[in-house]
């Protein structure tokens, strides 16, 4: 945590315990004072001493030298006792309340200790301590009366002062509780976001594993068929042998590319597939059909491609580009309805394949869409598994852009 010296010690210790996942060493010992705690304690000590000096000066005018000296000594000890208010707040407040009955110089220290109790203890405990303090303040008016102030007025002023200090302390306590609640909520929200991201990555890997299973089965079947033809027809014409060898080579290359994509991907259990038939997987050649379908749905889209033969791209790369474009167009339709979308496709063997999907700022207000962002997480995982990279984010004009690069071997 940054700038911990600005926080109270109990908040710092709570944050450290929450961040390390346990209390262990922190149990059984008091939290160490931060710089803020030292500043607060020193300020309260000086304020209590200042109030005590004013009370001592007023008491010296109407008391003997021995009584005045005793008041000064008691007031000094009461101010020094404030350094124990974090360890024994309740006991110190009760003791200073009793001492204040006979020594007005302890009034400042008593108010500081009462404030500490209001900050650290619940209302039920603060209520009876405050009642005891008001009773002690009322008794003090009669035990050590001030000839310059009316007795009733002096008692009322003491009670009002106690109520103000108690209310101030309770306000500080409420604010601290609010800060703690917000911090705990932020920690839980961060943990939940990480869990959702991990779940999205796992689901994306499972979907890729299901797709690659059928693709690999197709590639290996081609290998088996053409290898079997070469085995049983060694006297075939050279043209047929060369053509079958080319198919075997291309199929083996594509199978290896697909196999690299599924390494490390966890396969979903068979019972989750539900026995449903798996539809054929799209390729880069189907991107024109996707754009036409989106246009028929009423979306304004511009396709800018320099690929003369999209079918020449590797099947795994083309399928990934298709999925990226499909998800980006879906997001644009959800988050920027009515906005124009541009799809730019560039690439050649040996340099890689680049796809950019950009949409302008939405026209008018757009209602929030639940689950936003999970599809982009899956696309990033898909691009990474394919050996490429994907970036996304808002544009300066208020729109959104998705940029992906995927390898295209020479």
Protein backbone atom coordinates (compact mmCIF):
# COMPACT_ATOMS: atom_id res chain seq x y z
CA UNK A 1 0.00 0.00 0.00
CA UNK A 2 1.33 3.44 -0.92
CA UNK A 3 1.57 6.30 1.58
CA UNK A 4 0.69 4.19 4.59
CA UNK A 5 2.01 6.93 6.85
CA UNK A 6 -1.16 8.91 6.04
CA UNK A 7 -3.42 6.17 7.49
CA UNK A 8 -4.17 5.16 11.08
CA UNK A 9 -2.15 2.22 12.32
CA UNK A 10 -5.12 -0.14 12.59
CA UNK A 11 -6.03 0.42 8.94
CA UNK A 12 -2.44 -0.27 7.87
CA UNK A 13 -2.29 -3.50 9.88
CA UNK A 14 -5.68 -4.62 8.53
CA UNK A 15 -4.56 -3.97 4.95
CA UNK A 16 -1.31 -5.88 5.48
CA UNK A 17 -3.14 -8.82 7.05
CA UNK A 18 -5.64 -8.87 4.19
CA UNK A 19 -2.89 -8.62 1.61
CA UNK A 20 -0.78 -11.47 3.07
CA UNK A 21 -3.75 -13.70 3.73
CA UNK A 22 -3.26 -14.07 7.49
CA UNK A 23 -2.62 -12.33 10.76
CA UNK A 24 -0.05 -14.69 12.31
CA UNK A 25 2.62 -12.36 13.62
CA UNK A 26 0.19 -9.44 13.91
CA UNK A 27 -1.90 -11.26 16.53
CA UNK A 28 -1.15 -10.56 20.15
CA UNK A 29 0.67 -7.27 19.60
CA UNK A 30 -0.39 -3.67 19.18
CA UNK A 31 -0.07 -2.08 15.74
CA UNK A 32 2.89 0.25 15.43
CA UNK A 33 2.15 3.96 15.24
CA UNK A 34 2.36 5.53 11.83
CA UNK A 35 3.56 9.07 11.16
CA UNK A 36 -0.05 10.20 11.18
CA UNK A 37 -0.59 8.61 14.61
CA UNK A 38 2.45 10.39 16.03
CA UNK A 39 1.22 13.72 14.66
CA UNK A 40 -2.28 13.18 16.11
CA UNK A 41 -0.97 12.06 19.51
CA UNK A 42 1.44 14.97 19.73
CA UNK A 43 -1.26 17.46 18.75
CA UNK A 44 -3.67 16.11 21.37
CA UNK A 45 -0.93 16.22 23.98
CA UNK A 46 -0.14 19.87 23.19
CA UNK A 47 -3.83 20.85 23.17
CA UNK A 48 -4.40 19.11 26.52
CA UNK A 49 -1.33 20.85 27.97
CA UNK A 50 -2.52 24.23 26.67
CA UNK A 51 -5.99 23.75 28.21
CA UNK A 52 -4.36 22.56 31.41
CA UNK A 53 -2.19 25.70 31.57
CA UNK A 54 -5.24 27.93 31.15
CA UNK A 55 -7.04 26.02 33.91
CA UNK A 56 -3.96 26.20 36.15
CA UNK A 57 -3.72 29.94 35.66
CA UNK A 58 -7.40 30.39 36.50
CA UNK A 59 -7.08 28.10 39.52
CA UNK A 60 -4.01 29.93 40.86
CA UNK A 61 -6.02 33.14 41.23
CA UNK A 62 -8.48 31.52 43.67
CA UNK A 63 -6.37 28.83 45.37
CA UNK A 64 -3.37 28.59 47.64
CA UNK A 65 0.11 27.93 46.32
CA UNK A 66 0.03 24.29 47.47
CA UNK A 67 -3.30 23.61 45.73
CA UNK A 68 -2.10 25.38 42.59
CA UNK A 69 1.14 23.39 42.55
CA UNK A 70 -0.80 20.17 43.09
CA UNK A 71 -3.11 21.04 40.20
CA UNK A 72 -0.14 21.66 37.92
CA UNK A 73 1.50 18.35 38.82
CA UNK A 74 -1.76 16.40 38.38
CA UNK A 75 -2.45 18.16 35.08
CA UNK A 76 1.04 17.35 33.79
CA UNK A 77 0.68 13.69 34.73
CA UNK A 78 -2.76 13.57 33.06
CA UNK A 79 -1.29 14.97 29.84
CA UNK A 80 1.53 12.42 29.92
CA UNK A 81 -1.02 9.65 30.47
CA UNK A 82 -2.52 10.46 27.08
CA UNK A 83 0.27 8.46 25.43
CA UNK A 84 -1.49 5.37 26.84
CA UNK A 85 -4.87 6.18 25.30
CA UNK A 86 -4.40 3.74 22.40
CA UNK A 87 -3.69 0.83 24.75
CA UNK A 88 -6.25 1.53 27.53
CA UNK A 89 -8.78 4.07 26.20
CA UNK A 90 -11.68 3.14 28.48
CA UNK A 91 -9.68 2.87 31.69
CA UNK A 92 -7.83 6.11 30.99
CA UNK A 93 -11.08 7.99 30.28
CA UNK A 94 -12.68 6.80 33.51
CA UNK A 95 -9.56 7.61 35.53
CA UNK A 96 -9.21 11.11 34.07
CA UNK A 97 -12.93 11.73 34.63
CA UNK A 98 -12.46 10.98 38.32
CA UNK A 99 -9.25 13.01 38.53
CA UNK A 100 -10.94 15.97 36.82
CA UNK A 101 -13.38 16.25 39.74
CA UNK A 102 -10.64 17.57 42.02
CA UNK A 103 -8.11 18.85 39.44
CA UNK A 104 -9.48 21.17 36.71
CA UNK A 105 -6.05 21.10 34.99
CA UNK A 106 -6.79 17.54 33.87
CA UNK A 107 -9.80 18.70 31.84
CA UNK A 108 -7.94 18.89 28.54
CA UNK A 109 -6.47 15.41 28.94
CA UNK A 110 -9.90 14.10 29.96
CA UNK A 111 -11.53 15.47 26.78
CA UNK A 112 -8.78 13.93 24.62
CA UNK A 113 -9.25 10.54 26.26
CA UNK A 114 -13.04 10.78 25.82
CA UNK A 115 -12.52 11.52 22.12
CA UNK A 116 -10.30 8.44 21.84
CA UNK A 117 -13.01 6.26 23.42
CA UNK A 118 -15.64 7.60 21.00
CA UNK A 119 -13.36 6.77 18.06
CA UNK A 120 -12.51 3.22 19.15
CA UNK A 121 -15.55 1.89 21.03
CA UNK A 122 -19.17 1.15 19.98
CA UNK A 123 -21.98 3.49 20.91
CA UNK A 124 -23.28 1.43 23.86
CA UNK A 125 -19.92 1.62 25.58
CA UNK A 126 -19.42 5.27 24.71
CA UNK A 127 -22.87 6.13 26.08
CA UNK A 128 -22.26 4.98 29.64
CA UNK A 129 -18.73 6.39 29.71
CA UNK A 130 -20.10 9.73 28.50
CA UNK A 131 -22.82 9.63 31.18
CA UNK A 132 -20.16 8.99 33.82
CA UNK A 133 -18.10 11.88 32.42
CA UNK A 134 -21.07 14.29 32.53
CA UNK A 135 -21.78 13.28 36.12
CA UNK A 136 -18.14 13.83 37.06
CA UNK A 137 -18.14 17.21 35.29
CA UNK A 138 -21.25 18.27 37.21
CA UNK A 139 -19.71 17.21 40.53
CA UNK A 140 -16.51 19.10 39.67
CA UNK A 141 -18.48 22.33 39.36
CA UNK A 142 -19.48 22.05 43.01
CA UNK A 143 -16.17 20.66 44.32
CA UNK A 144 -13.99 23.25 42.56
CA UNK A 145 -16.34 26.12 41.70
CA UNK A 146 -15.20 29.10 39.62
CA UNK A 147 -16.26 32.36 41.31
CA UNK A 148 -16.29 34.22 37.95
CA UNK A 149 -18.86 31.89 36.32
CA UNK A 150 -22.34 30.95 37.44
CA UNK A 151 -22.52 27.38 38.76
CA UNK A 152 -25.45 26.34 36.53
CA UNK A 153 -23.86 27.89 33.46
CA UNK A 154 -20.56 26.18 34.25
CA UNK A 155 -22.28 22.79 34.54
CA UNK A 156 -24.16 23.27 31.27
CA UNK A 157 -20.97 24.30 29.45
CA UNK A 158 -19.18 21.19 30.72
CA UNK A 159 -21.98 18.88 29.56
CA UNK A 160 -22.19 20.56 26.13
CA UNK A 161 -18.42 20.29 25.71
CA UNK A 162 -18.51 16.58 26.54
CA UNK A 163 -21.34 16.01 24.05
CA UNK A 164 -19.48 17.86 21.30
CA UNK A 165 -16.27 15.88 21.83
CA UNK A 166 -18.20 12.60 21.92
CA UNK A 167 -20.10 13.42 18.74
CA UNK A 168 -16.88 14.39 16.99
CA UNK A 169 -15.27 11.10 17.97
CA UNK A 170 -18.28 9.09 16.80
CA UNK A 171 -18.19 10.93 13.46
CA UNK A 172 -14.54 10.00 13.03
CA UNK A 173 -15.37 6.39 13.90
CA UNK A 174 -18.17 6.29 11.32
CA UNK A 175 -15.87 7.66 8.65
CA UNK A 176 -13.22 5.05 9.47
CA UNK A 177 -15.78 2.28 9.30
CA UNK A 178 -16.88 3.58 5.90
CA UNK A 179 -13.28 3.60 4.64
CA UNK A 180 -12.77 0.04 5.87
CA UNK A 181 -15.99 -1.11 4.21
CA UNK A 182 -14.99 0.50 0.91
CA UNK A 183 -11.52 -1.05 1.10
CA UNK A 184 -12.96 -4.51 1.78
CA UNK A 185 -15.43 -4.06 -1.06
CA UNK A 186 -12.61 -3.06 -3.42
CA UNK A 187 -10.56 -6.12 -2.41
CA UNK A 188 -13.53 -8.42 -2.98
CA UNK A 189 -14.32 -6.78 -6.32
CA UNK A 190 -10.72 -7.23 -7.47
CA UNK A 191 -10.72 -10.88 -6.43
CA UNK A 192 -14.04 -11.46 -8.22
CA UNK A 193 -12.73 -9.75 -11.36
CA UNK A 194 -9.65 -11.99 -11.37
CA UNK A 195 -11.87 -15.04 -10.91
CA UNK A 196 -14.12 -13.99 -13.79
CA UNK A 197 -11.06 -13.42 -16.00
CA UNK A 198 -9.70 -16.88 -15.14
CA UNK A 199 -13.08 -18.45 -15.87
CA UNK A 200 -13.29 -16.63 -19.21
CA UNK A 201 -9.82 -17.88 -20.15
CA UNK A 202 -10.73 -21.43 -19.17
CA UNK A 203 -13.93 -21.32 -21.21
CA UNK A 204 -12.05 -19.91 -24.22
CA UNK A 205 -9.47 -22.70 -23.96
CA UNK A 206 -12.18 -25.32 -23.76
CA UNK A 207 -13.90 -23.87 -26.85
CA UNK A 208 -10.60 -23.88 -28.75
CA UNK A 209 -9.96 -27.48 -27.68
CA UNK A 210 -13.37 -28.54 -29.03
CA UNK A 211 -12.70 -26.80 -32.36
CA UNK A 212 -9.20 -28.19 -32.75
CA UNK A 213 -10.32 -31.75 -32.07
CA UNK A 214 -12.38 -31.86 -35.24
CA UNK A 215 -9.76 -30.01 -37.27
CA UNK A 216 -7.01 -32.44 -36.25
CA UNK A 217 -9.28 -35.39 -36.94
CA UNK A 218 -9.86 -34.02 -40.44
CA UNK A 219 -6.14 -33.47 -41.10
CA UNK A 220 -5.13 -36.88 -39.82
CA UNK A 221 -7.85 -38.56 -41.87
CA UNK A 222 -6.46 -36.94 -45.03
CA UNK A 223 -3.00 -38.11 -44.10
CA UNK A 224 -4.25 -41.67 -43.59
CA UNK A 225 -6.21 -41.83 -46.84
CA UNK A 226 -3.45 -40.49 -49.11
CA UNK A 227 -0.73 -42.47 -47.37
CA UNK A 228 -2.84 -45.61 -47.82
CA UNK A 229 -3.30 -44.82 -51.52
CA UNK A 230 0.45 -44.53 -52.00
CA UNK A 231 0.98 -47.78 -50.11
CA UNK A 232 -1.49 -49.84 -52.14
CA UNK A 233 -0.74 -48.23 -55.55
CA UNK A 234 3.02 -47.91 -55.83
CA UNK A 235 2.67 -48.12 -59.64
CA UNK A 236 0.45 -45.02 -59.88
CA UNK A 237 1.41 -42.32 -62.38
CA UNK A 238 4.02 -39.84 -61.16
CA UNK A 239 1.49 -36.97 -61.32
CA UNK A 240 -0.85 -38.72 -58.89
CA UNK A 241 2.00 -39.65 -56.56
CA UNK A 242 3.24 -36.05 -56.55
CA UNK A 243 -0.27 -34.71 -55.93
CA UNK A 244 -0.86 -37.15 -53.03
CA UNK A 245 2.53 -36.32 -51.54
CA UNK A 246 1.68 -32.61 -51.71
CA UNK A 247 -1.62 -33.20 -49.92
CA UNK A 248 0.15 -35.23 -47.24
CA UNK A 249 2.76 -32.52 -46.78
CA UNK A 250 0.18 -29.71 -46.56
CA UNK A 251 -2.06 -31.71 -44.23
CA UNK A 252 0.85 -32.57 -41.94
CA UNK A 253 1.92 -28.92 -41.83
CA UNK A 254 -1.59 -27.73 -40.99
CA UNK A 255 -1.99 -30.47 -38.38
CA UNK A 256 1.23 -29.40 -36.70
CA UNK A 257 0.07 -25.78 -36.66
CA UNK A 258 -3.24 -26.80 -35.14
CA UNK A 259 -1.49 -29.03 -32.62
CA UNK A 260 0.66 -26.13 -31.45
CA UNK A 261 -2.51 -24.20 -30.82
CA UNK A 262 -4.01 -26.75 -28.46
CA UNK A 263 -0.93 -27.50 -26.39
CA UNK A 264 -1.70 -26.59 -22.82
CA UNK A 265 -5.43 -26.21 -23.45
CA UNK A 266 -7.64 -28.12 -21.04
CA UNK A 267 -10.28 -30.19 -22.76
CA UNK A 268 -13.83 -29.90 -21.41
CA UNK A 269 -15.39 -33.12 -20.09
CA UNK A 270 -17.26 -35.15 -22.67
CA UNK A 271 -20.53 -34.88 -20.75
CA UNK A 272 -20.48 -31.11 -21.20
CA UNK A 273 -20.62 -31.49 -24.99
CA UNK A 274 -24.10 -32.93 -24.72
CA UNK A 275 -23.65 -35.11 -27.83
CA UNK A 276 -24.50 -32.18 -30.12
CA UNK A 277 -23.13 -32.23 -33.65
CA UNK A 278 -20.19 -29.91 -34.21
CA UNK A 279 -20.69 -27.56 -37.14
CA UNK A 280 -17.90 -26.93 -39.69
CA UNK A 281 -15.42 -24.33 -38.55
CA UNK A 282 -15.17 -21.06 -40.51
CA UNK A 283 -12.09 -19.97 -42.46
CA UNK A 284 -10.75 -16.68 -43.71
CA UNK A 285 -12.55 -17.22 -47.02
CA UNK A 286 -15.83 -16.95 -45.12
CA UNK A 287 -15.10 -13.41 -43.98
CA UNK A 288 -16.88 -11.95 -47.02
CA UNK A 289 -19.97 -13.94 -46.13
CA UNK A 290 -19.79 -12.68 -42.54
CA UNK A 291 -19.59 -9.08 -43.73
CA UNK A 292 -22.52 -9.60 -46.10
CA UNK A 293 -24.57 -11.15 -43.31
CA UNK A 294 -23.85 -8.21 -41.03
CA UNK A 295 -24.78 -5.78 -43.78
CA UNK A 296 -28.07 -7.55 -44.30
CA UNK A 297 -28.76 -7.05 -40.59
CA UNK A 298 -28.59 -3.29 -41.17
CA UNK A 299 -25.06 -2.56 -39.98
CA UNK A 300 -22.88 -0.10 -41.93
CA UNK A 301 -19.57 -1.82 -42.54
CA UNK A 302 -16.59 -1.23 -44.84
CA UNK A 303 -14.24 -4.13 -45.67
CA UNK A 304 -10.75 -3.18 -46.86
CA UNK A 305 -8.65 -6.25 -47.72
CA UNK A 306 -5.52 -6.64 -49.85
CA UNK A 307 -5.67 -10.46 -49.83
CA UNK A 308 -6.12 -11.75 -53.35
CA UNK A 309 -6.50 -15.36 -52.20
CA UNK A 310 -7.84 -15.62 -48.62
CA UNK A 311 -7.90 -19.40 -48.89
CA UNK A 312 -4.10 -19.43 -49.06
CA UNK A 313 -3.83 -18.41 -45.42
CA UNK A 314 -3.34 -21.23 -42.86
CA UNK A 315 -6.66 -22.62 -41.70
CA UNK A 316 -5.93 -22.04 -38.00
CA UNK A 317 -4.89 -18.43 -38.62
CA UNK A 318 -7.86 -17.76 -40.88
CA UNK A 319 -10.24 -19.25 -38.36
CA UNK A 320 -8.80 -17.08 -35.60
CA UNK A 321 -9.08 -13.95 -37.77
CA UNK A 322 -12.68 -14.89 -38.56
CA UNK A 323 -13.51 -15.28 -34.86
CA UNK A 324 -11.83 -11.98 -33.98
CA UNK A 325 -13.73 -10.11 -36.67
CA UNK A 326 -16.97 -11.81 -35.67
CA UNK A 327 -16.60 -10.89 -31.99
CA UNK A 328 -15.53 -7.32 -32.80
CA UNK A 329 -18.52 -6.80 -35.07
CA UNK A 330 -20.81 -8.24 -32.42
CA UNK A 331 -19.39 -5.87 -29.81
CA UNK A 332 -19.78 -2.92 -32.19
CA UNK A 333 -23.41 -3.86 -32.80
CA UNK A 334 -24.06 -4.07 -29.04
CA UNK A 335 -22.09 -1.07 -27.80
CA UNK A 336 -22.26 1.29 -30.80
CA UNK A 337 -25.51 0.63 -32.67
CA UNK A 338 -25.81 2.72 -35.80
CA UNK A 339 -22.10 3.54 -35.98
CA UNK A 340 -20.03 2.75 -39.06
CA UNK A 341 -17.51 -0.09 -38.70
CA UNK A 342 -14.33 -0.54 -40.72
CA UNK A 343 -12.57 -3.90 -41.11
CA UNK A 344 -9.02 -3.72 -42.47
CA UNK A 345 -7.23 -6.95 -43.43
CA UNK A 346 -3.57 -6.96 -44.43
CA UNK A 347 -0.98 -9.70 -44.72
CA UNK A 348 1.18 -11.99 -46.80
CA UNK A 349 3.21 -15.15 -46.17
CA UNK A 350 6.28 -14.53 -44.04
CA UNK A 351 5.01 -11.21 -42.63
CA UNK A 352 1.92 -12.27 -40.77
CA UNK A 353 -1.75 -11.41 -40.98
CA UNK A 354 -3.16 -8.22 -39.44
CA UNK A 355 -6.82 -7.45 -38.80
CA UNK A 356 -8.16 -4.11 -37.54
CA UNK A 357 -11.79 -3.55 -36.59
CA UNK A 358 -12.75 0.03 -35.73
CA UNK A 359 -16.11 1.59 -35.01
CA UNK A 360 -17.03 5.23 -34.60
CA UNK A 361 -18.57 6.71 -31.47
CA UNK A 362 -22.10 5.47 -30.71
CA UNK A 363 -25.02 7.59 -31.83
CA UNK A 364 -26.95 8.59 -28.72
CA UNK A 365 -26.97 6.90 -25.31
CA UNK A 366 -26.26 3.18 -25.16
CA UNK A 367 -27.72 1.03 -22.35
CA UNK A 368 -25.17 -1.04 -20.40
CA UNK A 369 -24.66 -4.59 -21.60
CA UNK A 370 -24.13 -7.30 -18.92
CA UNK A 371 -20.99 -9.40 -19.16
CA UNK A 372 -19.08 -6.82 -21.21
CA UNK A 373 -15.40 -7.53 -21.70
CA UNK A 374 -15.48 -11.31 -21.36
CA UNK A 375 -15.44 -11.86 -25.14
CA UNK A 376 -12.35 -9.68 -25.52
CA UNK A 377 -10.61 -11.73 -22.85
CA UNK A 378 -11.38 -14.88 -24.82
CA UNK A 379 -10.10 -13.31 -28.05
CA UNK A 380 -6.85 -12.29 -26.38
CA UNK A 381 -6.38 -15.85 -25.13
CA UNK A 382 -7.21 -17.24 -28.58
CA UNK A 383 -4.69 -14.94 -30.32
CA UNK A 384 -1.99 -15.77 -27.77
CA UNK A 385 -2.51 -19.51 -28.22
CA UNK A 386 -2.21 -19.01 -31.99
CA UNK A 387 1.20 -17.39 -31.54
CA UNK A 388 0.00 -13.83 -32.12
CA UNK A 389 -1.18 -10.87 -30.09
CA UNK A 390 -4.32 -8.78 -29.70
CA UNK A 391 -4.87 -5.25 -28.41
CA UNK A 392 -8.10 -3.37 -27.84
CA UNK A 393 -9.24 -0.09 -26.39
CA UNK A 394 -11.13 3.18 -26.98
CA UNK A 395 -10.09 5.59 -29.73
CA UNK A 396 -9.63 9.38 -29.34
CA UNK A 397 -12.87 10.07 -31.22
CA UNK A 398 -14.94 8.05 -28.75
CA UNK A 399 -15.05 4.83 -30.74
CA UNK A 400 -13.39 1.48 -30.15
CA UNK A 401 -10.65 -0.43 -31.95
CA UNK A 402 -9.44 -4.05 -31.98
CA UNK A 403 -6.03 -4.81 -33.49
CA UNK A 404 -4.64 -8.33 -33.89
CA UNK A 405 -1.54 -9.80 -35.53
CA UNK A 406 -1.21 -13.50 -36.29
CA UNK A 407 1.71 -15.41 -37.82
CA UNK A 408 1.60 -16.51 -41.48
CA UNK A 409 4.57 -18.76 -42.26
CA UNK A 410 6.35 -18.27 -45.58
